[in-house]
């Protein structure tokens, strides 16, 4: 359930990450998504992932173990929710997108655009272009 004042908390989360550089396992797309969910609901999923990976190979192994080999399934299991079509995402929902390199990234719907952790801070891609979304209620 979303907390009272979640809109301001989400805005603050986006502002803190806006210029934060990417570091795998510390300030990556999964961390940003967990921060957003915590801002909206008070539930912090980051401790499930923290310290478990620092390389691409470790990250893929951890995601595979958590989601039967699928990033999408790992997100669904963590949240206890099934994905919906990305174009149905609403502000604060998580959206999976393909980054510029084609890799899957997890971001946060801020309306028409989804904010994703990029190399030098947040990048913004059209929400409608997302692969899937998860409702954060």
Protein backbone atom coordinates (compact mmCIF):
# COMPACT_ATOMS: atom_id res chain seq x y z
CA UNK A 1 0.00 0.00 0.00
CA UNK A 2 1.37 3.40 -0.95
CA UNK A 3 2.21 5.71 1.91
CA UNK A 4 0.69 9.13 2.37
CA UNK A 5 3.00 11.64 0.68
CA UNK A 6 4.45 9.06 -1.70
CA UNK A 7 4.53 11.59 -4.54
CA UNK A 8 6.99 13.86 -2.72
CA UNK A 9 9.03 10.85 -1.59
CA UNK A 10 9.25 9.59 -5.18
CA UNK A 11 10.29 13.04 -6.43
CA UNK A 12 13.04 13.15 -3.78
CA UNK A 13 14.24 9.67 -4.76
CA UNK A 14 14.44 10.68 -8.43
CA UNK A 15 16.24 13.93 -7.54
CA UNK A 16 18.85 12.09 -5.42
CA UNK A 17 19.61 9.70 -8.29
CA UNK A 18 19.45 12.26 -11.10
CA UNK A 19 23.24 12.76 -11.33
CA UNK A 20 24.44 9.71 -9.38
CA UNK A 21 26.98 7.64 -11.33
CA UNK A 22 26.33 3.97 -12.01
CA UNK A 23 28.20 1.35 -9.98
CA UNK A 24 27.11 -2.26 -10.37
CA UNK A 25 25.86 -3.70 -7.10
CA UNK A 26 25.74 -0.29 -5.41
CA UNK A 27 24.03 2.36 -7.52
CA UNK A 28 22.54 0.39 -10.38
CA UNK A 29 19.05 -0.03 -11.81
CA UNK A 30 18.00 -2.56 -9.18
CA UNK A 31 19.09 -0.29 -6.34
CA UNK A 32 17.20 2.67 -7.83
CA UNK A 33 14.04 0.56 -8.23
CA UNK A 34 14.31 -0.64 -4.62
CA UNK A 35 14.72 2.96 -3.41
CA UNK A 36 11.61 3.98 -5.32
CA UNK A 37 9.53 1.10 -3.91
CA UNK A 38 10.73 1.99 -0.40
CA UNK A 39 9.74 5.63 -0.96
CA UNK A 40 6.25 4.60 -2.05
CA UNK A 41 5.53 1.77 0.37
CA UNK A 42 8.11 1.82 3.16
CA UNK A 43 9.21 -1.71 2.13
CA UNK A 44 12.91 -1.90 1.27
CA UNK A 45 13.87 -4.85 -0.94
CA UNK A 46 17.49 -3.77 -1.35
CA UNK A 47 18.75 -5.91 1.59
CA UNK A 48 17.75 -8.98 -0.45
CA UNK A 49 20.28 -7.97 -3.12
CA UNK A 50 22.88 -5.87 -1.30
CA UNK A 51 26.40 -7.28 -1.31
CA UNK A 52 25.47 -10.24 -3.50
CA UNK A 53 27.05 -9.01 -6.73
CA UNK A 54 29.67 -6.58 -7.98
CA UNK A 55 30.31 -7.96 -11.46
CA UNK A 56 28.05 -8.65 -14.44
CA UNK A 57 28.60 -12.37 -14.05
CA UNK A 58 27.66 -12.34 -10.34
CA UNK A 59 24.60 -10.22 -11.08
CA UNK A 60 23.39 -12.64 -13.76
CA UNK A 61 23.91 -15.57 -11.37
CA UNK A 62 21.99 -13.87 -8.55
CA UNK A 63 19.12 -12.90 -10.87
CA UNK A 64 19.04 -16.40 -12.34
CA UNK A 65 18.81 -17.96 -8.88
CA UNK A 66 16.07 -15.55 -7.80
CA UNK A 67 13.97 -15.89 -10.92
CA UNK A 68 14.43 -19.27 -12.52
CA UNK A 69 16.80 -17.70 -15.03
CA UNK A 70 14.69 -14.65 -15.86
CA UNK A 71 15.12 -11.03 -14.71
CA UNK A 72 11.37 -10.53 -15.11
CA UNK A 73 10.62 -13.58 -12.96
CA UNK A 74 13.10 -12.37 -10.30
CA UNK A 75 11.25 -9.04 -10.12
CA UNK A 76 7.86 -10.79 -9.97
CA UNK A 77 9.00 -13.11 -7.17
CA UNK A 78 10.57 -10.27 -5.19
CA UNK A 79 7.47 -8.09 -5.42
CA UNK A 80 4.96 -10.94 -5.23
CA UNK A 81 3.22 -9.51 -8.30
CA UNK A 82 2.77 -10.42 -11.93
CA UNK A 83 3.88 -8.02 -14.67
CA UNK A 84 1.47 -5.98 -16.76
CA UNK A 85 1.90 -4.33 -20.16
CA UNK A 86 4.34 -1.43 -19.79
CA UNK A 87 2.04 1.10 -21.46
CA UNK A 88 -0.39 0.54 -18.55
CA UNK A 89 2.21 1.65 -15.98
CA UNK A 90 1.33 4.54 -13.73
CA UNK A 91 3.55 6.94 -11.83
CA UNK A 92 5.62 5.00 -9.30
CA UNK A 93 5.25 1.60 -10.95
CA UNK A 94 8.38 -0.32 -11.93
CA UNK A 95 9.06 -0.68 -15.64
CA UNK A 96 11.53 -2.98 -17.35
CA UNK A 97 13.14 -1.42 -20.43
CA UNK A 98 15.95 -2.17 -22.81
CA UNK A 99 18.84 0.21 -22.34
CA UNK A 100 20.94 1.65 -25.14
CA UNK A 101 23.12 -1.46 -25.07
CA UNK A 102 20.07 -3.74 -25.35
CA UNK A 103 20.36 -5.03 -21.79
CA UNK A 104 17.26 -5.15 -19.61
CA UNK A 105 17.06 -2.42 -16.99
CA UNK A 106 14.57 -1.77 -14.23
CA UNK A 107 13.28 1.76 -13.85
CA UNK A 108 10.48 3.79 -12.34
CA UNK A 109 7.55 5.24 -14.24
CA UNK A 110 7.34 8.98 -13.71
CA UNK A 111 4.53 9.42 -16.20
CA UNK A 112 5.13 9.44 -19.93
CA UNK A 113 8.77 8.53 -19.24
CA UNK A 114 10.53 5.92 -17.15
CA UNK A 115 13.61 6.92 -15.16
CA UNK A 116 16.48 4.42 -15.32
CA UNK A 117 19.93 4.47 -13.78
CA UNK A 118 22.46 5.33 -16.48
CA UNK A 119 26.25 5.61 -16.41
CA UNK A 120 26.30 9.24 -15.26
CA UNK A 121 22.87 9.55 -13.70
CA UNK A 122 19.30 8.92 -14.67
CA UNK A 123 18.19 8.48 -18.24
CA UNK A 124 14.58 8.75 -19.38
CA UNK A 125 12.93 6.44 -21.90
CA UNK A 126 9.31 6.42 -23.07
CA UNK A 127 7.27 4.26 -20.71
CA UNK A 128 5.25 2.87 -23.63
CA UNK A 129 8.47 1.31 -24.99
CA UNK A 130 8.99 -0.77 -21.85
CA UNK A 131 9.05 -4.56 -21.92
CA UNK A 132 6.87 -5.05 -18.82
CA UNK A 133 5.72 -3.22 -15.70
CA UNK A 134 4.79 -4.04 -12.11
CA UNK A 135 2.15 -2.17 -10.15
CA UNK A 136 3.36 -0.74 -6.87
CA UNK A 137 0.23 -0.28 -4.80
